[in-house]
Amino acid sequence: MLLTVFRKTRNRETDQVERARRAPKVCEAEHLPAADHEVYDREEQR
């Protein structure tokens, strides 16, 4: 049986960290601020 091992060609961890840091900024740019959304409230029923 022959097993072949492929080494990572690049470290993707730093790319994932950068993507995670950009995600909230992209989301904020694409969507309205939370204060501009309608607020739905429901009275508590007992």
C-alpha atoms as a PDB file:
ATOM      1  CA  MET A   1       0.000   0.000   0.000  1.00  0.00           C
ATOM      2  CA  LEU A   2       1.391   3.395  -0.962  1.00  0.00           C
ATOM      3  CA  LEU A   3       0.316   6.474   0.984  1.00  0.00           C
ATOM      4  CA  THR A   4       0.931   9.923  -0.395  1.00  0.00           C
ATOM      5  CA  VAL A   5       1.095  12.927   1.896  1.00  0.00           C
ATOM      6  CA  PHE A   6       0.493  16.392   0.539  1.00  0.00           C
ATOM      7  CA  ARG A   7       1.846  19.294   2.527  1.00  0.00           C
ATOM      8  CA  LYS A   8      -0.165  22.480   2.789  1.00  0.00           C
ATOM      9  CA  THR A   9       0.938  24.836   0.082  1.00  0.00           C
ATOM     10  CA  ARG A  10       0.052  27.886   2.145  1.00  0.00           C
ATOM     11  CA  ASN A  11      -1.115  28.690   5.616  1.00  0.00           C
ATOM     12  CA  ARG A  12      -4.824  29.489   5.390  1.00  0.00           C
ATOM     13  CA  GLU A  13      -5.301  30.383   9.045  1.00  0.00           C
ATOM     14  CA  THR A  14      -4.256  34.000   8.518  1.00  0.00           C
ATOM     15  CA  ASP A  15      -6.622  34.226   5.537  1.00  0.00           C
ATOM     16  CA  GLN A  16      -9.483  32.925   7.681  1.00  0.00           C
ATOM     17  CA  VAL A  17      -8.739  35.440  10.438  1.00  0.00           C
ATOM     18  CA  GLU A  18      -8.704  38.314   7.946  1.00  0.00           C
ATOM     19  CA  ARG A  19     -11.974  37.099   6.392  1.00  0.00           C
ATOM     20  CA  ALA A  20     -13.553  36.936   9.850  1.00  0.00           C
ATOM     21  CA  ARG A  21     -12.424  40.494  10.567  1.00  0.00           C
ATOM     22  CA  ARG A  22     -13.861  41.768   7.272  1.00  0.00           C
ATOM     23  CA  ALA A  23     -17.210  39.973   7.594  1.00  0.00           C
ATOM     24  CA  PRO A  24     -18.884  42.415  10.050  1.00  0.00           C
ATOM     25  CA  LYS A  25     -17.765  45.411   7.985  1.00  0.00           C
ATOM     26  CA  VAL A  26     -19.167  43.901   4.794  1.00  0.00           C
ATOM     27  CA  CYS A  27     -22.426  43.031   6.568  1.00  0.00           C
ATOM     28  CA  GLU A  28     -22.777  46.549   7.991  1.00  0.00           C
ATOM     29  CA  ALA A  29     -22.145  48.060   4.554  1.00  0.00           C
ATOM     30  CA  GLU A  30     -24.795  45.865   2.886  1.00  0.00           C
ATOM     31  CA  HIS A  31     -27.564  46.137   5.491  1.00  0.00           C
ATOM     32  CA  LEU A  32     -29.391  48.874   7.342  1.00  0.00           C
ATOM     33  CA  PRO A  33     -28.268  49.703  10.867  1.00  0.00           C
ATOM     34  CA  ALA A  34     -30.229  47.909  13.573  1.00  0.00           C
ATOM     35  CA  ALA A  35     -31.753  51.186  14.763  1.00  0.00           C
ATOM     36  CA  ASP A  36     -33.492  51.555  11.378  1.00  0.00           C
ATOM     37  CA  HIS A  37     -35.270  48.201  11.641  1.00  0.00           C
ATOM     38  CA  GLU A  38     -38.792  47.841  12.947  1.00  0.00           C
ATOM     39  CA  VAL A  39     -39.029  46.452  16.446  1.00  0.00           C
ATOM     40  CA  TYR A  40     -41.600  43.754  17.067  1.00  0.00           C
ATOM     41  CA  ASP A  41     -42.613  43.233  20.669  1.00  0.00           C
ATOM     42  CA  ARG A  42     -44.963  40.732  22.200  1.00  0.00           C
ATOM     43  CA  GLU A  43     -46.593  41.001  25.575  1.00  0.00           C
ATOM     44  CA  GLU A  44     -45.773  38.186  27.932  1.00  0.00           C
ATOM     45  CA  GLN A  45     -48.644  35.747  28.399  1.00  0.00           C
ATOM     46  CA  ARG A  46     -48.982  33.848  31.640  1.00  0.00           C
END
